[in-house]
């Protein structure tokens, strides 16, 4: 990362509008503001202006008019602007378990040298009021770490009696707490008390418009150093084998013969057909095609404004790899299968159906998830300097370069636990032979250009409300790393602000995988039981794989 941000190309004095309140709508805004007031009253801060309700920002739609020296800032991307919309005001929350007590001074020095210098983390989202229909853009500003480093003063009785629950409750309140849009949209919360897994906890909260999961995880890794050698950056995990946004069959040489060439041509015919089918289903889902009612679907409208609870469980990456090798599939295939099994266990217990024959006969319960897919030509994590290269030919560019696919999950009972893995493998292989993710990304940009952001947001809202859940998996560092001198025990990212009551996220780190669930706090009072179902499903699948 460069020592200083590049100088702006053009400066001019001009009035701008800076939105200082969260976007809202009738019904949803009221619920969120009520939650914000509750959160502000429940958490006492040592330095937390971003968590306190500002009188100037309390009025709905209030904007702060300022006159400043503006640089010719970079326009926000359509995906970044989508995350500003009322029903998609999304935030990423990365919980970082630390192996030592918090050294606030070291944290501030590290932030000053890295995160606070990143172009997105030292910029405001502003509109130029001189130009009509001006689009939001990024404009550099100074960063005052006192506004971004938050050390809450929690009830010592609660933190000592049940520290894990204290962290969980804090995160839950955070999901309805406001973030001041008149300053860069990120915060680092430091919880300096031990839990069952850690000596302390750091919580990085940022607006999703700053970048997608790949961008932000790459930035987080750039803020860390190898625990074995603090002078060097961590080793990045190997990139996936595919070379592009889809798994395309390589063209065989002419010497391979006509059969090989025919199979290659057939693979592209299959790709075109699967893409056509997936696009039709995606469009129908955005307009009217709705998942069946299950305990996982949002119980009512406005779930994006309600309080979320973030719970997580550590799974063994070695167990997942053992199943992968036994079933000759991928890690993602195994995770999809475990999710199938975990959801099925929870569903049949929740519906109090103990008749095994009836369980086996219910093979038609299919719920769908919105799966975010990295569509960069170069998949996987990358060095931050590579991602910040502004060349239009950069295959690993920073930003929200994500498409959506509708990933089905089947709720059913199998006598053989490995059948869930076979089912997951079939699902994943089918989705690899489709350009659905690329289509959703480019069609979204086209709709924004032709009909505006409101039309694109309405279609996305229809897609989310007609599906059941969100699903994501990310690969993390393969070695132990330190965050500004603090050993990292685990990384547990998630997201909130979208209209789903359940979000499932898998994050690998060293030889473990964190399963992270973001759930509607009222709809899933037994969220830890759902975690147990996932963990038990993996145990049974691992046991079955060992006896093959």
Protein backbone atom coordinates (compact mmCIF):
# COMPACT_ATOMS: atom_id res chain seq x y z
CA UNK A 1 0.00 0.00 0.00
CA UNK A 2 1.32 3.43 -0.84
CA UNK A 3 2.47 5.68 2.00
CA UNK A 4 0.04 8.44 1.04
CA UNK A 5 -3.16 8.56 -0.99
CA UNK A 6 -2.62 9.85 -4.54
CA UNK A 7 -3.25 13.54 -4.97
CA UNK A 8 -6.60 14.46 -6.52
CA UNK A 9 -6.52 15.45 -10.16
CA UNK A 10 -8.90 18.39 -9.91
CA UNK A 11 -10.00 20.61 -7.04
CA UNK A 12 -12.99 22.94 -6.96
CA UNK A 13 -15.25 24.49 -4.35
CA UNK A 14 -18.80 23.31 -4.70
CA UNK A 15 -21.76 22.54 -2.42
CA UNK A 16 -22.37 18.86 -1.81
CA UNK A 17 -24.94 16.77 0.02
CA UNK A 18 -23.75 14.26 2.56
CA UNK A 19 -26.43 11.90 3.83
CA UNK A 20 -26.05 11.75 7.61
CA UNK A 21 -28.83 9.25 8.28
CA UNK A 22 -29.55 5.75 7.19
CA UNK A 23 -31.84 5.37 4.20
CA UNK A 24 -35.34 4.38 5.21
CA UNK A 25 -38.90 3.91 4.08
CA UNK A 26 -42.32 3.98 5.63
CA UNK A 27 -42.57 1.14 8.09
CA UNK A 28 -38.98 0.03 7.79
CA UNK A 29 -37.35 3.26 8.91
CA UNK A 30 -39.47 3.47 12.01
CA UNK A 31 -38.50 -0.02 13.07
CA UNK A 32 -34.83 0.66 12.46
CA UNK A 33 -34.83 4.02 14.25
CA UNK A 34 -36.48 2.37 17.25
CA UNK A 35 -33.72 -0.23 17.26
CA UNK A 36 -31.09 2.49 16.91
CA UNK A 37 -32.43 4.35 19.94
CA UNK A 38 -32.47 1.11 21.93
CA UNK A 39 -28.89 0.30 20.90
CA UNK A 40 -27.68 3.78 21.73
CA UNK A 41 -29.26 3.51 25.15
CA UNK A 42 -27.91 0.02 25.82
CA UNK A 43 -24.24 0.59 25.04
CA UNK A 44 -22.01 3.01 26.90
CA UNK A 45 -19.00 4.15 24.90
CA UNK A 46 -15.58 5.50 25.74
CA UNK A 47 -15.38 6.96 22.25
CA UNK A 48 -18.41 6.19 20.15
CA UNK A 49 -19.96 9.15 18.34
CA UNK A 50 -20.92 6.86 15.47
CA UNK A 51 -23.05 4.79 17.83
CA UNK A 52 -24.91 7.71 19.36
CA UNK A 53 -28.00 9.11 17.74
CA UNK A 54 -27.18 12.56 16.42
CA UNK A 55 -29.98 15.14 16.74
CA UNK A 56 -29.11 16.57 13.32
CA UNK A 57 -29.32 13.11 11.74
CA UNK A 58 -32.44 11.90 13.51
CA UNK A 59 -34.90 13.52 11.12
CA UNK A 60 -35.83 11.25 8.26
CA UNK A 61 -33.92 12.02 5.07
CA UNK A 62 -32.02 14.91 6.71
CA UNK A 63 -28.96 15.99 4.72
CA UNK A 64 -25.99 18.06 5.77
CA UNK A 65 -25.18 20.87 3.32
CA UNK A 66 -21.49 21.75 3.35
CA UNK A 67 -19.13 23.64 1.11
CA UNK A 68 -15.73 22.05 0.80
CA UNK A 69 -12.82 21.75 -1.54
CA UNK A 70 -13.76 18.75 -3.68
CA UNK A 71 -11.54 16.53 -5.70
CA UNK A 72 -12.75 14.99 -8.94
CA UNK A 73 -13.86 11.93 -7.02
CA UNK A 74 -14.47 8.50 -8.49
CA UNK A 75 -18.14 7.74 -9.26
CA UNK A 76 -19.70 4.97 -7.22
CA UNK A 77 -20.35 1.73 -9.10
CA UNK A 78 -23.94 0.58 -9.69
CA UNK A 79 -23.43 -2.25 -7.17
CA UNK A 80 -22.10 0.22 -4.60
CA UNK A 81 -25.10 2.48 -5.15
CA UNK A 82 -27.47 -0.49 -4.78
CA UNK A 83 -26.15 -1.02 -1.25
CA UNK A 84 -27.34 2.51 -0.41
CA UNK A 85 -30.95 1.70 -1.27
CA UNK A 86 -33.58 1.43 1.46
CA UNK A 87 -33.99 -2.36 1.41
CA UNK A 88 -30.30 -3.09 0.72
CA UNK A 89 -28.54 -0.80 3.18
CA UNK A 90 -26.06 -3.59 3.84
CA UNK A 91 -23.18 -3.73 6.29
CA UNK A 92 -20.42 -6.30 6.64
CA UNK A 93 -19.46 -7.35 10.16
CA UNK A 94 -16.17 -9.20 10.63
CA UNK A 95 -15.65 -10.60 14.12
CA UNK A 96 -11.94 -11.20 14.76
CA UNK A 97 -11.07 -13.35 17.75
CA UNK A 98 -7.72 -12.29 19.25
CA UNK A 99 -5.26 -14.35 21.25
CA UNK A 100 -4.06 -11.48 23.44
CA UNK A 101 -5.47 -8.51 25.31
CA UNK A 102 -6.10 -5.40 23.21
CA UNK A 103 -3.21 -2.97 22.86
CA UNK A 104 -5.14 0.14 21.82
CA UNK A 105 -2.01 2.13 20.98
CA UNK A 106 -0.74 -0.60 18.65
CA UNK A 107 -4.17 -0.85 17.02
CA UNK A 108 -4.27 2.89 16.34
CA UNK A 109 -0.75 2.95 14.90
CA UNK A 110 -1.59 0.03 12.63
CA UNK A 111 -4.87 1.55 11.47
CA UNK A 112 -3.21 4.89 10.77
CA UNK A 113 -0.62 3.20 8.56
CA UNK A 114 -2.96 0.88 6.64
CA UNK A 115 -6.74 0.90 6.82
CA UNK A 116 -7.17 4.67 7.26
CA UNK A 117 -5.07 5.28 4.13
CA UNK A 118 -7.10 3.05 1.85
CA UNK A 119 -9.00 5.15 -0.75
CA UNK A 120 -12.41 3.73 0.21
CA UNK A 121 -11.77 3.97 3.96
CA UNK A 122 -10.82 7.65 3.82
CA UNK A 123 -13.62 8.81 1.49
CA UNK A 124 -17.17 10.08 1.80
CA UNK A 125 -20.12 9.23 -0.42
CA UNK A 126 -21.33 12.59 -1.75
CA UNK A 127 -23.57 14.06 -4.44
CA UNK A 128 -22.69 17.20 -6.39
CA UNK A 129 -25.69 19.53 -6.01
CA UNK A 130 -24.61 21.79 -8.88
CA UNK A 131 -25.20 19.06 -11.46
CA UNK A 132 -28.69 17.74 -12.01
CA UNK A 133 -29.13 13.98 -11.55
CA UNK A 134 -25.59 13.75 -10.22
CA UNK A 135 -24.58 10.26 -9.15
CA UNK A 136 -22.90 9.64 -5.77
CA UNK A 137 -19.14 9.52 -5.86
CA UNK A 138 -16.20 8.95 -3.57
CA UNK A 139 -14.49 12.10 -2.26
CA UNK A 140 -11.40 11.97 -0.05
CA UNK A 141 -11.53 13.38 3.46
CA UNK A 142 -9.39 13.30 6.57
CA UNK A 143 -9.84 10.39 8.98
CA UNK A 144 -10.07 11.00 12.70
CA UNK A 145 -9.46 7.64 14.37
CA UNK A 146 -11.35 8.80 17.46
CA UNK A 147 -14.49 8.59 15.30
CA UNK A 148 -13.76 5.05 14.15
CA UNK A 149 -12.09 3.20 17.04
CA UNK A 150 -14.81 2.36 19.56
CA UNK A 151 -14.17 0.91 23.02
CA UNK A 152 -17.51 0.15 24.67
CA UNK A 153 -17.98 0.08 28.44
CA UNK A 154 -20.09 -3.01 29.00
CA UNK A 155 -21.60 -4.31 32.23
CA UNK A 156 -18.71 -6.15 33.98
CA UNK A 157 -21.17 -8.53 35.61
CA UNK A 158 -22.45 -9.66 32.20
CA UNK A 159 -18.99 -9.96 30.65
CA UNK A 160 -17.71 -12.08 33.53
CA UNK A 161 -20.80 -14.28 33.95
CA UNK A 162 -21.19 -15.19 30.26
CA UNK A 163 -18.62 -13.42 28.05
CA UNK A 164 -19.64 -15.29 24.88
CA UNK A 165 -23.22 -14.10 25.31
CA UNK A 166 -22.00 -10.56 26.06
CA UNK A 167 -20.16 -10.42 22.72
CA UNK A 168 -23.15 -11.93 20.95
CA UNK A 169 -25.57 -9.41 22.50
CA UNK A 170 -23.25 -6.52 21.63
CA UNK A 171 -23.14 -7.60 17.98
CA UNK A 172 -26.91 -7.96 17.95
CA UNK A 173 -27.40 -4.41 19.22
CA UNK A 174 -24.84 -3.23 16.69
CA UNK A 175 -27.04 -4.47 13.83
CA UNK A 176 -29.58 -1.72 14.57
CA UNK A 177 -27.13 1.00 15.61
CA UNK A 178 -26.65 3.93 13.21
CA UNK A 179 -23.47 4.75 11.33
CA UNK A 180 -22.77 8.41 10.60
CA UNK A 181 -22.63 8.90 6.83
CA UNK A 182 -20.83 12.22 7.22
CA UNK A 183 -17.59 10.31 7.85
CA UNK A 184 -16.01 7.24 6.19
CA UNK A 185 -18.27 4.25 6.67
CA UNK A 186 -16.26 1.91 8.87
CA UNK A 187 -15.69 1.26 12.57
CA UNK A 188 -13.45 -0.96 14.67
CA UNK A 189 -14.99 -2.04 17.99
CA UNK A 190 -12.59 -3.41 20.61
CA UNK A 191 -14.03 -5.73 23.29
CA UNK A 192 -11.19 -6.24 25.75
CA UNK A 193 -12.36 -9.19 27.84
CA UNK A 194 -11.74 -12.94 27.45
CA UNK A 195 -14.27 -15.38 26.01
CA UNK A 196 -14.26 -19.17 25.78
CA UNK A 197 -12.13 -19.00 22.62
CA UNK A 198 -10.25 -15.70 22.80
CA UNK A 199 -8.46 -13.23 25.05
CA UNK A 200 -10.27 -10.32 23.38
CA UNK A 201 -12.40 -9.55 20.34
CA UNK A 202 -12.26 -6.97 17.55
CA UNK A 203 -15.31 -6.22 15.42
CA UNK A 204 -14.80 -4.50 12.07
CA UNK A 205 -18.05 -3.03 10.74
CA UNK A 206 -18.15 -1.43 7.29
CA UNK A 207 -20.71 -0.47 4.68
CA UNK A 208 -21.02 -2.98 1.85
CA UNK A 209 -20.61 -0.21 -0.73
CA UNK A 210 -16.91 -0.09 0.21
CA UNK A 211 -16.36 -3.43 -1.52
CA UNK A 212 -17.36 -7.07 -1.71
CA UNK A 213 -16.17 -9.91 0.48
CA UNK A 214 -13.11 -10.69 -1.65
CA UNK A 215 -12.01 -7.04 -1.59
CA UNK A 216 -12.50 -6.59 2.13
CA UNK A 217 -10.91 -9.91 3.11
CA UNK A 218 -7.91 -9.04 0.93
CA UNK A 219 -7.69 -5.70 2.73
CA UNK A 220 -7.94 -7.40 6.12
CA UNK A 221 -5.11 -9.77 5.19
CA UNK A 222 -3.04 -6.76 4.09
CA UNK A 223 -3.48 -5.43 7.65
CA UNK A 224 -2.01 -8.63 9.12
CA UNK A 225 1.43 -10.20 9.28
CA UNK A 226 2.58 -13.79 9.54
CA UNK A 227 2.83 -14.93 13.16
CA UNK A 228 5.91 -16.98 12.25
CA UNK A 229 7.62 -13.98 10.63
CA UNK A 230 6.02 -10.61 11.55
CA UNK A 231 8.11 -8.91 8.86
CA UNK A 232 6.18 -10.50 5.98
CA UNK A 233 2.60 -10.63 4.76
CA UNK A 234 0.65 -13.86 5.24
CA UNK A 235 0.76 -16.58 2.66
CA UNK A 236 -2.29 -16.41 0.40
CA UNK A 237 -4.30 -19.56 -0.26
CA UNK A 238 -3.92 -21.08 -3.74
CA UNK A 239 -6.35 -19.70 -6.31
CA UNK A 240 -9.09 -21.97 -7.69
CA UNK A 241 -8.30 -23.84 -10.87
CA UNK A 242 -10.80 -22.02 -13.05
CA UNK A 243 -9.52 -19.17 -15.25
CA UNK A 244 -12.51 -16.87 -15.53
CA UNK A 245 -15.97 -16.35 -14.04
CA UNK A 246 -17.16 -19.83 -15.08
CA UNK A 247 -15.69 -23.31 -15.34
CA UNK A 248 -15.33 -23.52 -19.13
CA UNK A 249 -13.94 -26.60 -20.84
CA UNK A 250 -10.56 -25.86 -22.46
CA UNK A 251 -10.50 -26.18 -26.24
CA UNK A 252 -8.69 -29.37 -27.23
CA UNK A 253 -5.99 -29.31 -29.92
CA UNK A 254 -6.95 -30.41 -33.43
CA UNK A 255 -4.82 -33.49 -32.96
CA UNK A 256 -7.23 -34.67 -30.25
CA UNK A 257 -9.63 -35.82 -32.92
CA UNK A 258 -13.26 -35.09 -33.84
CA UNK A 259 -14.76 -36.72 -30.74
CA UNK A 260 -12.87 -34.38 -28.39
CA UNK A 261 -13.84 -31.37 -30.50
CA UNK A 262 -17.46 -32.49 -30.53
CA UNK A 263 -17.48 -32.84 -26.74
CA UNK A 264 -15.97 -29.36 -26.44
CA UNK A 265 -18.68 -27.89 -28.70
CA UNK A 266 -21.35 -29.82 -26.78
CA UNK A 267 -20.11 -28.35 -23.48
CA UNK A 268 -20.78 -24.86 -24.81
CA UNK A 269 -24.23 -25.88 -26.01
CA UNK A 270 -24.95 -27.16 -22.48
CA UNK A 271 -23.57 -23.89 -21.06
CA UNK A 272 -25.92 -21.87 -23.28
CA UNK A 273 -28.95 -24.00 -22.37
CA UNK A 274 -28.29 -23.96 -18.64
CA UNK A 275 -27.75 -20.20 -18.76
CA UNK A 276 -31.07 -19.72 -20.58
CA UNK A 277 -32.92 -21.85 -18.02
CA UNK A 278 -31.26 -20.13 -15.05
CA UNK A 279 -31.92 -16.66 -16.43
CA UNK A 280 -35.60 -17.53 -16.94
CA UNK A 281 -35.87 -18.85 -13.37
CA UNK A 282 -34.04 -15.85 -11.97
CA UNK A 283 -36.34 -13.44 -13.81
CA UNK A 284 -39.43 -15.35 -12.68
CA UNK A 285 -38.16 -15.31 -9.10
CA UNK A 286 -37.58 -11.55 -9.19
CA UNK A 287 -41.16 -11.09 -10.42
CA UNK A 288 -43.36 -13.77 -8.82
CA UNK A 289 -41.83 -17.25 -8.26
CA UNK A 290 -41.72 -17.75 -4.49
CA UNK A 291 -40.19 -20.45 -2.28
CA UNK A 292 -42.53 -22.56 -0.12
CA UNK A 293 -43.12 -21.36 3.41
CA UNK A 294 -40.63 -22.92 5.85
CA UNK A 295 -39.20 -21.93 9.25
CA UNK A 296 -36.21 -20.41 7.40
CA UNK A 297 -38.10 -17.85 5.32
CA UNK A 298 -38.68 -14.35 6.66
CA UNK A 299 -41.89 -14.41 8.69
CA UNK A 300 -42.95 -10.93 7.60
CA UNK A 301 -41.86 -7.95 5.53
CA UNK A 302 -39.25 -5.58 6.87
CA UNK A 303 -36.84 -8.25 8.10
CA UNK A 304 -33.97 -6.17 6.70
CA UNK A 305 -34.69 -3.52 9.34
CA UNK A 306 -34.96 -5.87 12.31
CA UNK A 307 -32.32 -6.88 14.81
CA UNK A 308 -30.01 -9.72 13.81
CA UNK A 309 -28.11 -12.18 15.95
CA UNK A 310 -24.71 -13.46 14.85
CA UNK A 311 -23.71 -16.90 16.11
CA UNK A 312 -20.79 -19.05 15.02
CA UNK A 313 -19.29 -22.50 15.48
CA UNK A 314 -15.83 -23.86 14.65
CA UNK A 315 -15.77 -26.85 12.30
CA UNK A 316 -12.76 -28.98 11.42
CA UNK A 317 -11.32 -28.29 7.98
CA UNK A 318 -9.58 -31.67 8.19
CA UNK A 319 -12.99 -33.37 8.54
CA UNK A 320 -14.29 -31.47 5.52
CA UNK A 321 -11.22 -32.42 3.47
CA UNK A 322 -11.54 -36.06 4.55
CA UNK A 323 -15.10 -36.13 3.18
CA UNK A 324 -13.95 -34.29 0.05
CA UNK A 325 -11.28 -36.90 -0.68
CA UNK A 326 -13.60 -39.81 0.10
CA UNK A 327 -16.36 -38.47 -2.17
CA UNK A 328 -14.00 -37.10 -4.86
CA UNK A 329 -15.57 -33.66 -4.78
CA UNK A 330 -14.63 -30.14 -3.65
CA UNK A 331 -14.72 -28.39 -0.28
CA UNK A 332 -17.64 -26.28 -1.48
CA UNK A 333 -19.54 -29.43 -2.49
CA UNK A 334 -19.11 -30.73 1.07
CA UNK A 335 -20.26 -27.43 2.59
CA UNK A 336 -23.37 -27.40 0.42
CA UNK A 337 -24.10 -30.98 1.49
CA UNK A 338 -23.59 -30.16 5.18
CA UNK A 339 -25.97 -27.21 4.77
CA UNK A 340 -28.57 -29.50 3.17
CA UNK A 341 -28.26 -31.90 6.10
CA UNK A 342 -28.26 -29.20 8.79
CA UNK A 343 -31.34 -27.45 7.41
CA UNK A 344 -33.15 -30.79 7.13
CA UNK A 345 -32.41 -31.76 10.75
CA UNK A 346 -33.65 -28.39 12.00
CA UNK A 347 -36.75 -28.43 9.80
CA UNK A 348 -38.02 -31.86 10.83
CA UNK A 349 -37.41 -31.20 14.51
CA UNK A 350 -39.05 -27.76 14.27
CA UNK A 351 -42.12 -29.15 12.54
CA UNK A 352 -42.30 -31.96 15.16
CA UNK A 353 -42.48 -34.59 12.45
CA UNK A 354 -41.15 -37.84 13.95
CA UNK A 355 -42.54 -40.18 11.28
CA UNK A 356 -39.46 -41.41 9.41
CA UNK A 357 -41.45 -42.74 6.46
CA UNK A 358 -43.17 -39.39 5.99
CA UNK A 359 -39.83 -37.62 6.26
CA UNK A 360 -38.37 -39.78 3.51
CA UNK A 361 -41.37 -39.13 1.26
CA UNK A 362 -41.01 -35.35 1.50
CA UNK A 363 -38.38 -35.03 -1.22
CA UNK A 364 -39.96 -32.03 -2.91
CA UNK A 365 -39.19 -29.37 -0.30
CA UNK A 366 -36.74 -27.14 -2.13
CA UNK A 367 -35.64 -23.79 -0.76
CA UNK A 368 -33.30 -21.47 -2.59
CA UNK A 369 -30.50 -19.24 -1.45
CA UNK A 370 -29.07 -16.13 -3.04
CA UNK A 371 -25.41 -17.00 -3.50
CA UNK A 372 -22.92 -14.20 -4.18
CA UNK A 373 -20.32 -15.21 -6.75
CA UNK A 374 -16.99 -13.52 -7.42
CA UNK A 375 -17.00 -12.89 -11.20
CA UNK A 376 -13.44 -11.58 -11.47
CA UNK A 377 -11.43 -13.25 -14.20
CA UNK A 378 -8.80 -14.10 -11.59
CA UNK A 379 -10.65 -15.88 -8.75
CA UNK A 380 -9.55 -16.18 -5.14
CA UNK A 381 -7.77 -13.72 -2.85
CA UNK A 382 -5.10 -11.36 -4.16
CA UNK A 383 -2.48 -8.99 -2.84
CA UNK A 384 -4.01 -5.60 -2.09
CA UNK A 385 -1.57 -3.76 -4.38
CA UNK A 386 -2.76 -5.95 -7.24
CA UNK A 387 -6.44 -5.26 -6.49
CA UNK A 388 -5.89 -1.48 -6.30
CA UNK A 389 -4.39 -1.38 -9.80
CA UNK A 390 -6.82 0.91 -11.65
CA UNK A 391 -6.16 -0.61 -15.08
CA UNK A 392 -9.37 -1.66 -16.79
CA UNK A 393 -7.62 -4.90 -17.74
CA UNK A 394 -6.98 -5.77 -14.09
CA UNK A 395 -8.44 -9.26 -13.56
CA UNK A 396 -8.55 -8.84 -9.76
CA UNK A 397 -9.89 -5.29 -9.42
CA UNK A 398 -11.22 -3.86 -6.14
CA UNK A 399 -14.94 -3.26 -5.83
CA UNK A 400 -18.30 -5.02 -5.73
CA UNK A 401 -17.66 -7.42 -8.62
CA UNK A 402 -20.26 -9.98 -7.64
CA UNK A 403 -23.11 -11.72 -9.39
CA UNK A 404 -25.97 -13.72 -7.93
CA UNK A 405 -27.05 -17.28 -8.53
CA UNK A 406 -30.03 -19.08 -7.06
CA UNK A 407 -28.62 -22.12 -5.27
CA UNK A 408 -31.22 -24.77 -4.30
CA UNK A 409 -31.14 -26.65 -1.01
CA UNK A 410 -33.23 -29.78 -0.56
CA UNK A 411 -34.93 -30.52 2.75
CA UNK A 412 -35.27 -34.28 3.02
CA UNK A 413 -34.17 -37.26 5.10
CA UNK A 414 -31.58 -39.76 3.88
CA UNK A 415 -30.61 -43.04 5.53
CA UNK A 416 -27.12 -42.53 4.10
CA UNK A 417 -25.66 -39.17 5.27
CA UNK A 418 -23.34 -39.17 2.25
CA UNK A 419 -26.36 -38.69 0.00
CA UNK A 420 -26.40 -35.05 1.13
CA UNK A 421 -22.87 -34.69 -0.28
CA UNK A 422 -23.83 -36.35 -3.56
CA UNK A 423 -26.79 -34.01 -3.78
CA UNK A 424 -24.57 -31.01 -3.03
CA UNK A 425 -22.07 -32.10 -5.67
CA UNK A 426 -24.80 -32.41 -8.31
CA UNK A 427 -26.10 -28.96 -7.43
CA UNK A 428 -22.65 -27.36 -7.59
CA UNK A 429 -21.69 -29.09 -10.85
CA UNK A 430 -24.93 -27.93 -12.44
CA UNK A 431 -24.34 -24.30 -11.44
CA UNK A 432 -20.77 -24.39 -12.77
CA UNK A 433 -22.14 -24.94 -16.28
CA UNK A 434 -24.07 -21.67 -16.36
CA UNK A 435 -23.39 -17.97 -16.87
CA UNK A 436 -26.13 -17.00 -14.40
CA UNK A 437 -23.78 -15.00 -12.15
CA UNK A 438 -22.28 -13.08 -15.08
CA UNK A 439 -25.75 -12.38 -16.47
CA UNK A 440 -27.08 -11.02 -13.17
CA UNK A 441 -24.07 -8.71 -12.80
CA UNK A 442 -24.16 -7.23 -16.30
CA UNK A 443 -27.96 -7.13 -16.58
CA UNK A 444 -28.08 -5.27 -13.28
CA UNK A 445 -25.71 -2.64 -14.64
CA UNK A 446 -27.78 -2.40 -17.83
CA UNK A 447 -31.04 -1.94 -15.93
CA UNK A 448 -29.45 0.85 -13.89
CA UNK A 449 -28.36 2.65 -17.07
CA UNK A 450 -31.71 2.23 -18.84
CA UNK A 451 -34.26 2.53 -16.04
CA UNK A 452 -32.39 3.84 -13.01
CA UNK A 453 -31.34 2.51 -9.64
CA UNK A 454 -34.89 2.25 -8.25
CA UNK A 455 -35.86 -0.27 -10.95
CA UNK A 456 -32.77 -2.39 -10.32
CA UNK A 457 -33.37 -2.27 -6.56
CA UNK A 458 -37.00 -3.34 -7.02
CA UNK A 459 -35.96 -6.41 -9.02
CA UNK A 460 -33.30 -7.33 -6.45
CA UNK A 461 -35.81 -6.90 -3.66
CA UNK A 462 -38.21 -9.25 -5.42
CA UNK A 463 -35.46 -11.83 -5.84
CA UNK A 464 -34.53 -11.70 -2.15
CA UNK A 465 -38.06 -11.72 -0.75
CA UNK A 466 -39.05 -14.66 -2.96
CA UNK A 467 -36.06 -16.77 -1.87
CA UNK A 468 -35.33 -18.19 1.56
CA UNK A 469 -31.77 -17.37 2.61
CA UNK A 470 -28.33 -16.10 1.66
CA UNK A 471 -25.26 -18.32 1.38
CA UNK A 472 -21.56 -17.60 1.03
CA UNK A 473 -18.18 -19.21 1.59
CA UNK A 474 -14.74 -17.61 1.67
CA UNK A 475 -11.22 -18.95 1.94
CA UNK A 476 -8.91 -17.25 4.43
CA UNK A 477 -5.25 -17.33 5.48
CA UNK A 478 -3.63 -20.76 5.54
CA UNK A 479 -1.20 -19.85 8.34
CA UNK A 480 -1.51 -18.16 11.73
CA UNK A 481 -1.51 -14.37 11.36
CA UNK A 482 -1.39 -11.31 13.62
CA UNK A 483 -3.66 -8.28 13.42
CA UNK A 484 -1.49 -5.30 14.40
CA UNK A 485 0.51 -7.52 16.72
CA UNK A 486 -2.49 -9.45 18.07
CA UNK A 487 -2.62 -13.18 17.16
CA UNK A 488 -5.84 -14.04 15.34
CA UNK A 489 -7.76 -17.01 16.71
CA UNK A 490 -10.63 -16.93 14.23
CA UNK A 491 -12.32 -14.76 11.59
CA UNK A 492 -16.14 -14.79 11.51
CA UNK A 493 -17.63 -12.46 8.88
CA UNK A 494 -21.29 -11.91 8.10
CA UNK A 495 -23.65 -9.32 6.63
CA UNK A 496 -26.94 -7.66 7.54
CA UNK A 497 -29.35 -5.17 5.99
CA UNK A 498 -30.77 -7.42 3.24
CA UNK A 499 -34.28 -8.96 3.32
CA UNK A 500 -33.42 -12.48 4.52
CA UNK A 501 -34.01 -13.91 7.99
CA UNK A 502 -31.13 -16.41 7.62
CA UNK A 503 -27.65 -15.95 6.19
CA UNK A 504 -25.15 -18.84 6.20
CA UNK A 505 -21.46 -18.05 5.84
CA UNK A 506 -18.40 -20.32 5.91
CA UNK A 507 -14.94 -18.82 6.49
CA UNK A 508 -11.76 -20.90 6.53
CA UNK A 509 -8.68 -19.99 8.57
CA UNK A 510 -5.69 -22.29 9.02
CA UNK A 511 -7.10 -25.79 9.68
CA UNK A 512 -10.62 -24.76 10.72
CA UNK A 513 -13.81 -23.39 9.21
CA UNK A 514 -16.05 -20.91 10.97
CA UNK A 515 -19.74 -21.49 10.36
CA UNK A 516 -21.42 -18.10 10.88
CA UNK A 517 -25.19 -17.63 10.98
CA UNK A 518 -26.89 -14.24 10.86
CA UNK A 519 -30.51 -14.73 11.90
CA UNK A 520 -33.56 -12.65 12.67
CA UNK A 521 -33.32 -12.46 16.46
CA UNK A 522 -37.07 -12.85 16.97
CA UNK A 523 -37.62 -15.60 14.40
CA UNK A 524 -34.70 -17.81 15.51
CA UNK A 525 -34.60 -17.81 19.33
CA UNK A 526 -32.91 -21.24 19.08
CA UNK A 527 -30.10 -20.18 16.72
CA UNK A 528 -27.55 -22.19 18.70
CA UNK A 529 -29.63 -25.31 18.12
CA UNK A 530 -29.35 -24.64 14.39
CA UNK A 531 -25.57 -24.47 14.83
CA UNK A 532 -25.73 -27.82 16.64
CA UNK A 533 -27.62 -29.32 13.70
CA UNK A 534 -24.92 -28.23 11.25
CA UNK A 535 -22.13 -29.56 13.48
CA UNK A 536 -23.90 -32.88 14.08
CA UNK A 537 -24.54 -33.24 10.35
CA UNK A 538 -20.84 -32.86 9.59
CA UNK A 539 -20.00 -35.41 12.31
CA UNK A 540 -22.39 -37.98 10.85
CA UNK A 541 -21.17 -37.36 7.31
CA UNK A 542 -17.53 -37.68 8.41
CA UNK A 543 -18.36 -40.91 10.25
CA UNK A 544 -20.13 -42.33 7.19
CA UNK A 545 -17.22 -41.38 4.93
CA UNK A 546 -14.75 -43.21 7.18
CA UNK A 547 -16.67 -46.49 6.81
CA UNK A 548 -16.94 -46.48 3.00
